Amino acid sequence: MNDFRMKVILTILTGIIFSFLFILLAFILPTQSDKQIIIKKHSNDPLLQEVSKSFAK
């Protein structure tokens, strides 16, 4: 009976420790990279501007 209780207690404590570890990792690790995507607009081509406006609609 003592072995069973000890196994149950160790299982519960291990689950709590791993859960706490993953919760901490979720707060510490970033979810997105800090890279910024720069989209350059071409002002020379009026056809390209019309196509981009039609895609925006």
PDB file of N, CA and C in Angstrom:
ATOM      1  N   MET A   1       0.819  -1.196   0.000  1.00  0.00           N
ATOM      2  CA  MET A   1       0.000   0.000   0.000  1.00  0.00           C
ATOM      3  C   MET A   1       0.864   1.263   0.000  1.00  0.00           C
ATOM      4  N   ASN A   2       1.974   1.218   0.725  1.00  0.00           N
ATOM      5  CA  ASN A   2       2.852   2.378   0.771  1.00  0.00           C
ATOM      6  C   ASN A   2       3.480   2.655  -0.585  1.00  0.00           C
ATOM      7  N   ASP A   3       3.848   1.594  -1.304  1.00  0.00           N
ATOM      8  CA  ASP A   3       4.438   1.784  -2.622  1.00  0.00           C
ATOM      9  C   ASP A   3       3.450   2.442  -3.577  1.00  0.00           C
ATOM     10  N   PHE A   4       2.201   2.047  -3.509  1.00  0.00           N
ATOM     11  CA  PHE A   4       1.186   2.629  -4.384  1.00  0.00           C
ATOM     12  C   PHE A   4       0.990   4.110  -4.078  1.00  0.00           C
ATOM     13  N   ARG A   5       0.918   4.463  -2.804  1.00  0.00           N
ATOM     14  CA  ARG A   5       0.748   5.878  -2.430  1.00  0.00           C
ATOM     15  C   ARG A   5       1.946   6.706  -2.877  1.00  0.00           C
ATOM     16  N   MET A   6       3.137   6.138  -2.702  1.00  0.00           N
ATOM     17  CA  MET A   6       4.336   6.869  -3.089  1.00  0.00           C
ATOM     18  C   MET A   6       4.369   7.087  -4.599  1.00  0.00           C
ATOM     19  N   LYS A   7       3.959   6.077  -5.359  1.00  0.00           N
ATOM     20  CA  LYS A   7       3.913   6.220  -6.814  1.00  0.00           C
ATOM     21  C   LYS A   7       2.895   7.263  -7.240  1.00  0.00           C
ATOM     22  N   VAL A   8       1.742   7.280  -6.581  1.00  0.00           N
ATOM     23  CA  VAL A   8       0.713   8.271  -6.919  1.00  0.00           C
ATOM     24  C   VAL A   8       1.201   9.671  -6.586  1.00  0.00           C
ATOM     25  N   ILE A   9       1.820   9.852  -5.429  1.00  0.00           N
ATOM     26  CA  ILE A   9       2.326  11.167  -5.022  1.00  0.00           C
ATOM     27  C   ILE A   9       3.436  11.616  -5.966  1.00  0.00           C
ATOM     28  N   LEU A  10       4.353  10.721  -6.323  1.00  0.00           N
ATOM     29  CA  LEU A  10       5.425  11.084  -7.243  1.00  0.00           C
ATOM     30  C   LEU A  10       4.883  11.415  -8.629  1.00  0.00           C
ATOM     31  N   THR A  11       3.866  10.706  -9.070  1.00  0.00           N
ATOM     32  CA  THR A  11       3.254  10.991 -10.366  1.00  0.00           C
ATOM     33  C   THR A  11       2.603  12.368 -10.370  1.00  0.00           C
ATOM     34  N   ILE A  12       1.890  12.695  -9.312  1.00  0.00           N
ATOM     35  CA  ILE A  12       1.232  14.006  -9.218  1.00  0.00           C
ATOM     36  C   ILE A  12       2.274  15.120  -9.147  1.00  0.00           C
ATOM     37  N   LEU A  13       3.306  14.950  -8.345  1.00  0.00           N
ATOM     38  CA  LEU A  13       4.352  15.974  -8.236  1.00  0.00           C
ATOM     39  C   LEU A  13       5.104  16.149  -9.550  1.00  0.00           C
ATOM     40  N   THR A  14       5.383  15.064 -10.241  1.00  0.00           N
ATOM     41  CA  THR A  14       6.059  15.154 -11.537  1.00  0.00           C
ATOM     42  C   THR A  14       5.184  15.892 -12.541  1.00  0.00           C
ATOM     43  N   GLY A  15       3.895  15.605 -12.549  1.00  0.00           N
ATOM     44  CA  GLY A  15       2.980  16.313 -13.449  1.00  0.00           C
ATOM     45  C   GLY A  15       2.923  17.795 -13.152  1.00  0.00           C
ATOM     46  N   ILE A  16       2.910  18.146 -11.876  1.00  0.00           N
ATOM     47  CA  ILE A  16       2.877  19.563 -11.492  1.00  0.00           C
ATOM     48  C   ILE A  16       4.165  20.260 -11.913  1.00  0.00           C
ATOM     49  N   ILE A  17       5.303  19.601 -11.721  1.00  0.00           N
ATOM     50  CA  ILE A  17       6.592  20.212 -12.074  1.00  0.00           C
ATOM     51  C   ILE A  17       6.690  20.424 -13.586  1.00  0.00           C
ATOM     52  N   PHE A  18       6.314  19.409 -14.379  1.00  0.00           N
ATOM     53  CA  PHE A  18       6.371  19.563 -15.834  1.00  0.00           C
ATOM     54  C   PHE A  18       5.380  20.615 -16.324  1.00  0.00           C
ATOM     55  N   SER A  19       4.211  20.667 -15.729  1.00  0.00           N
ATOM     56  CA  SER A  19       3.240  21.692 -16.118  1.00  0.00           C
ATOM     57  C   SER A  19       3.781  23.083 -15.818  1.00  0.00           C
ATOM     58  N   PHE A  20       4.365  23.245 -14.654  1.00  0.00           N
ATOM     59  CA  PHE A  20       4.943  24.534 -14.280  1.00  0.00           C
ATOM     60  C   PHE A  20       6.079  24.907 -15.216  1.00  0.00           C
ATOM     61  N   LEU A  21       6.885  23.914 -15.598  1.00  0.00           N
ATOM     62  CA  LEU A  21       7.987  24.165 -16.523  1.00  0.00           C
ATOM     63  C   LEU A  21       7.471  24.639 -17.871  1.00  0.00           C
ATOM     64  N   PHE A  22       6.445  23.979 -18.411  1.00  0.00           N
ATOM     65  CA  PHE A  22       5.914  24.384 -19.708  1.00  0.00           C
ATOM     66  C   PHE A  22       5.198  25.728 -19.644  1.00  0.00           C
ATOM     67  N   ILE A  23       4.568  26.036 -18.539  1.00  0.00           N
ATOM     68  CA  ILE A  23       3.939  27.354 -18.383  1.00  0.00           C
ATOM     69  C   ILE A  23       5.000  28.439 -18.367  1.00  0.00           C
ATOM     70  N   LEU A  24       6.100  28.205 -17.656  1.00  0.00           N
ATOM     71  CA  LEU A  24       7.197  29.177 -17.644  1.00  0.00           C
ATOM     72  C   LEU A  24       7.800  29.349 -19.032  1.00  0.00           C
ATOM     73  N   LEU A  25       7.991  28.253 -19.743  1.00  0.00           N
ATOM     74  CA  LEU A  25       8.532  28.353 -21.101  1.00  0.00           C
ATOM     75  C   LEU A  25       7.599  29.123 -22.024  1.00  0.00           C
ATOM     76  N   ALA A  26       6.311  28.984 -21.834  1.00  0.00           N
ATOM     77  CA  ALA A  26       5.355  29.715 -22.671  1.00  0.00           C
ATOM     78  C   ALA A  26       5.470  31.218 -22.451  1.00  0.00           C
ATOM     79  N   PHE A  27       5.786  31.631 -21.234  1.00  0.00           N
ATOM     80  CA  PHE A  27       5.928  33.063 -20.963  1.00  0.00           C
ATOM     81  C   PHE A  27       7.305  33.585 -21.335  1.00  0.00           C
ATOM     82  N   ILE A  28       8.316  32.744 -21.289  1.00  0.00           N
ATOM     83  CA  ILE A  28       9.682  33.204 -21.533  1.00  0.00           C
ATOM     84  C   ILE A  28      10.011  33.254 -23.015  1.00  0.00           C
ATOM     85  N   LEU A  29       9.657  32.199 -23.750  1.00  0.00           N
ATOM     86  CA  LEU A  29      10.029  32.127 -25.157  1.00  0.00           C
ATOM     87  C   LEU A  29       9.118  33.010 -26.006  1.00  0.00           C
ATOM     88  N   PRO A  30       9.688  33.723 -26.968  1.00  0.00           N
ATOM     89  CA  PRO A  30       8.848  34.568 -27.839  1.00  0.00           C
ATOM     90  C   PRO A  30       8.068  33.714 -28.827  1.00  0.00           C
ATOM     91  N   THR A  31       6.896  34.191 -29.186  1.00  0.00           N
ATOM     92  CA  THR A  31       6.061  33.457 -30.130  1.00  0.00           C
ATOM     93  C   THR A  31       6.303  33.908 -31.561  1.00  0.00           C
ATOM     94  N   GLN A  32       6.746  35.134 -31.743  1.00  0.00           N
ATOM     95  CA  GLN A  32       6.980  35.655 -33.083  1.00  0.00           C
ATOM     96  C   GLN A  32       8.396  36.198 -33.159  1.00  0.00           C
ATOM     97  N   SER A  33       8.935  36.176 -34.347  1.00  0.00           N
ATOM     98  CA  SER A  33      10.257  36.763 -34.534  1.00  0.00           C
ATOM     99  C   SER A  33      10.117  38.286 -34.620  1.00  0.00           C
ATOM    100  N   ASP A  34      11.198  38.956 -34.335  1.00  0.00           N
ATOM    101  CA  ASP A  34      11.184  40.415 -34.318  1.00  0.00           C
ATOM    102  C   ASP A  34      11.511  41.018 -35.683  1.00  0.00           C
ATOM    103  N   LYS A  35      11.573  40.176 -36.697  1.00  0.00           N
ATOM    104  CA  LYS A  35      11.886  40.675 -38.025  1.00  0.00           C
ATOM    105  C   LYS A  35      10.697  41.444 -38.586  1.00  0.00           C
ATOM    106  N   GLN A  36      10.995  42.557 -39.220  1.00  0.00           N
ATOM    107  CA  GLN A  36       9.950  43.350 -39.839  1.00  0.00           C
ATOM    108  C   GLN A  36      10.010  43.146 -41.347  1.00  0.00           C
ATOM    109  N   ILE A  37       8.857  42.952 -41.929  1.00  0.00           N
ATOM    110  CA  ILE A  37       8.779  42.786 -43.374  1.00  0.00           C
ATOM    111  C   ILE A  37       8.469  44.143 -43.986  1.00  0.00           C
ATOM    112  N   ILE A  38       9.356  44.589 -44.857  1.00  0.00           N
ATOM    113  CA  ILE A  38       9.183  45.885 -45.506  1.00  0.00           C
ATOM    114  C   ILE A  38       8.720  45.648 -46.934  1.00  0.00           C
ATOM    115  N   ILE A  39       7.578  46.195 -47.258  1.00  0.00           N
ATOM    116  CA  ILE A  39       7.039  46.070 -48.606  1.00  0.00           C
ATOM    117  C   ILE A  39       7.255  47.401 -49.314  1.00  0.00           C
ATOM    118  N   LYS A  40       8.037  47.348 -50.359  1.00  0.00           N
ATOM    119  CA  LYS A  40       8.326  48.572 -51.106  1.00  0.00           C
ATOM    120  C   LYS A  40       7.241  48.775 -52.165  1.00  0.00           C
ATOM    121  N   LYS A  41       6.765  49.989 -52.245  1.00  0.00           N
ATOM    122  CA  LYS A  41       5.748  50.304 -53.240  1.00  0.00           C
ATOM    123  C   LYS A  41       6.421  50.961 -54.442  1.00  0.00           C
ATOM    124  N   HIS A  42       6.031  50.514 -55.616  1.00  0.00           N
ATOM    125  CA  HIS A  42       6.565  51.096 -56.839  1.00  0.00           C
ATOM    126  C   HIS A  42       5.650  52.239 -57.263  1.00  0.00           C
ATOM    127  N   SER A  43       6.205  53.417 -57.324  1.00  0.00           N
ATOM    128  CA  SER A  43       5.393  54.578 -57.698  1.00  0.00           C
ATOM    129  C   SER A  43       5.523  54.898 -59.177  1.00  0.00           C
ATOM    130  N   ASN A  44       6.348  54.151 -59.893  1.00  0.00           N
ATOM    131  CA  ASN A  44       6.583  54.469 -61.302  1.00  0.00           C
ATOM    132  C   ASN A  44       5.556  53.833 -62.228  1.00  0.00           C
ATOM    133  N   ASP A  45       4.962  52.718 -61.833  1.00  0.00           N
ATOM    134  CA  ASP A  45       4.099  51.959 -62.735  1.00  0.00           C
ATOM    135  C   ASP A  45       2.632  52.144 -62.334  1.00  0.00           C
ATOM    136  N   PRO A  46       1.829  52.888 -63.112  1.00  0.00           N
ATOM    137  CA  PRO A  46       0.418  53.082 -62.758  1.00  0.00           C
ATOM    138  C   PRO A  46      -0.399  51.788 -62.889  1.00  0.00           C
ATOM    139  N   LEU A  47      -0.012  50.895 -63.781  1.00  0.00           N
ATOM    140  CA  LEU A  47      -0.732  49.633 -63.934  1.00  0.00           C
ATOM    141  C   LEU A  47      -0.574  48.788 -62.670  1.00  0.00           C
ATOM    142  N   LEU A  48       0.620  48.791 -62.117  1.00  0.00           N
ATOM    143  CA  LEU A  48       0.869  48.034 -60.892  1.00  0.00           C
ATOM    144  C   LEU A  48       0.056  48.605 -59.724  1.00  0.00           C
ATOM    145  N   GLN A  49      -0.088  49.917 -59.689  1.00  0.00           N
ATOM    146  CA  GLN A  49      -0.901  50.540 -58.640  1.00  0.00           C
ATOM    147  C   GLN A  49      -2.363  50.138 -58.769  1.00  0.00           C
ATOM    148  N   GLU A  50      -2.871  50.076 -59.973  1.00  0.00           N
ATOM    149  CA  GLU A  50      -4.261  49.678 -60.185  1.00  0.00           C
ATOM    150  C   GLU A  50      -4.484  48.226 -59.777  1.00  0.00           C
ATOM    151  N   VAL A  51      -3.533  47.367 -60.102  1.00  0.00           N
ATOM    152  CA  VAL A  51      -3.659  45.963 -59.751  1.00  0.00           C
ATOM    153  C   VAL A  51      -3.614  45.808 -58.244  1.00  0.00           C
ATOM    154  N   SER A  52      -2.756  46.529 -57.566  1.00  0.00           N
ATOM    155  CA  SER A  52      -2.674  46.421 -56.106  1.00  0.00           C
ATOM    156  C   SER A  52      -3.933  46.968 -55.443  1.00  0.00           C
ATOM    157  N   LYS A  53      -4.527  47.997 -56.016  1.00  0.00           N
ATOM    158  CA  LYS A  53      -5.783  48.519 -55.479  1.00  0.00           C
ATOM    159  C   LYS A  53      -6.910  47.522 -55.671  1.00  0.00           C
ATOM    160  N   SER A  54      -6.912  46.819 -56.809  1.00  0.00           N
ATOM    161  CA  SER A  54      -7.962  45.830 -57.039  1.00  0.00           C
ATOM    162  C   SER A  54      -7.813  44.639 -56.095  1.00  0.00           C
ATOM    163  N   PHE A  55      -6.581  44.272 -55.760  1.00  0.00           N
ATOM    164  CA  PHE A  55      -6.378  43.197 -54.775  1.00  0.00           C
ATOM    165  C   PHE A  55      -6.777  43.645 -53.385  1.00  0.00           C
ATOM    166  N   ALA A  56      -6.606  44.917 -53.089  1.00  0.00           N
ATOM    167  CA  ALA A  56      -6.967  45.421 -51.755  1.00  0.00           C
ATOM    168  C   ALA A  56      -8.477  45.408 -51.554  1.00  0.00           C
ATOM    169  N   LYS A  57      -9.245  45.522 -52.635  1.00  0.00           N
ATOM    170  CA  LYS A  57     -10.704  45.495 -52.519  1.00  0.00           C
ATOM    171  C   LYS A  57     -11.129  44.102 -52.247  1.00  0.00           C
TER     172      LYS A  57
END
